[in-house]
Protein backbone atom coordinates (compact mmCIF):
# COMPACT_ATOMS: atom_id res chain seq x y z
CA MET A 1 0.16 4.06 -14.58
CA PRO A 2 -1.37 3.85 -18.01
CA ILE A 3 -4.55 1.85 -17.32
CA MET A 4 -5.32 2.16 -13.60
CA ASN A 5 -4.01 4.31 -10.81
CA GLY A 6 -2.77 2.80 -7.55
CA ASN A 7 -6.03 3.38 -5.70
CA GLU A 8 -7.99 1.54 -8.38
CA ILE A 9 -5.57 -1.38 -8.22
CA VAL A 10 -5.87 -1.59 -4.43
CA LYS A 11 -9.67 -1.75 -4.77
CA GLU A 12 -9.34 -4.52 -7.39
CA ILE A 13 -7.00 -6.52 -5.14
CA ARG A 14 -9.37 -6.19 -2.19
CA ASP A 15 -12.25 -7.49 -4.35
CA ILE A 16 -10.42 -10.77 -5.08
CA LYS A 17 -11.69 -13.50 -2.78
CA GLY A 18 -8.98 -15.12 -0.70
CA LEU A 19 -6.67 -12.10 -0.74
CA GLY A 20 -8.32 -10.22 2.09
CA GLY A 21 -5.47 -10.81 4.51
CA VAL A 22 -2.64 -10.13 2.09
CA PRO A 23 -0.84 -6.89 2.99
CA VAL A 24 -0.93 -4.30 0.22
CA PHE A 25 2.01 -1.91 -0.04
CA MET A 26 1.56 1.26 -2.04
CA TYR A 27 4.51 3.31 -3.23
CA SER A 28 3.91 6.68 -4.82
CA ALA A 29 5.77 9.54 -6.43
CA SER A 30 2.81 11.83 -5.86
CA GLU A 31 3.28 14.92 -3.76
CA ASP A 32 -0.45 15.13 -2.99
CA PRO A 33 -0.76 15.20 0.82
CA ASP A 34 -4.21 13.56 0.64
CA GLU A 35 -3.06 10.56 -1.38
CA ARG A 36 -1.83 8.59 1.66
CA GLU A 37 -5.18 8.90 3.40
CA GLN A 38 -7.03 7.96 0.21
CA ALA A 39 -4.80 4.92 -0.34
CA LEU A 40 -5.42 3.67 3.20
CA LEU A 41 -9.18 4.27 2.85
CA ASN A 42 -9.15 2.24 -0.37
CA GLY A 43 -7.57 -0.74 1.36
CA ALA A 44 -3.81 -0.28 1.23
CA ASP A 45 -2.15 -1.43 4.43
CA PHE A 46 1.03 0.56 3.97
CA TYR A 47 1.77 3.72 2.03
CA TYR A 48 5.26 4.96 1.32
CA GLN A 49 6.08 8.06 -0.65
CA LYS A 50 9.11 8.34 -2.92
CA PRO A 51 11.93 8.95 -2.59
CA PHE A 52 12.22 5.98 -0.29
CA THR A 53 15.14 4.39 1.46
CA THR A 54 16.06 0.76 1.78
CA ASP A 55 15.74 1.06 5.56
CA GLY A 56 12.24 2.51 5.23
CA VAL A 57 11.12 -0.30 2.92
CA HIS A 58 12.62 -2.92 5.27
CA ARG A 59 10.83 -1.32 8.23
CA MET A 60 7.51 -1.42 6.38
CA ILE A 61 7.98 -5.08 5.45
CA ARG A 62 8.83 -5.95 9.07
CA GLU A 63 5.68 -4.16 10.24
CA ALA A 64 3.62 -6.11 7.72
CA LEU A 65 5.09 -9.43 8.81
CA GLU A 66 4.52 -8.58 12.46
CA SER A 67 0.87 -7.69 11.78
CA VAL A 68 0.31 -10.95 9.89
CA ASN A 69 1.96 -13.00 12.64
CA ALA A 70 0.13 -11.21 15.48
């Protein structure tokens, strides 16, 4: 992204008061094997690497909804 990378955006979202419980999904085209771990450490709740499938995205959304409703 031209101004911020995904990890910087996740940090910014987590710093906004009132959004602490909002699930953050991160999608990436990166092939860096460490990026998933870094994204989760920075506050992303879900990380999905491209190419992604519709079924995979639906599964991740269901998991997020289940965690919010738990």
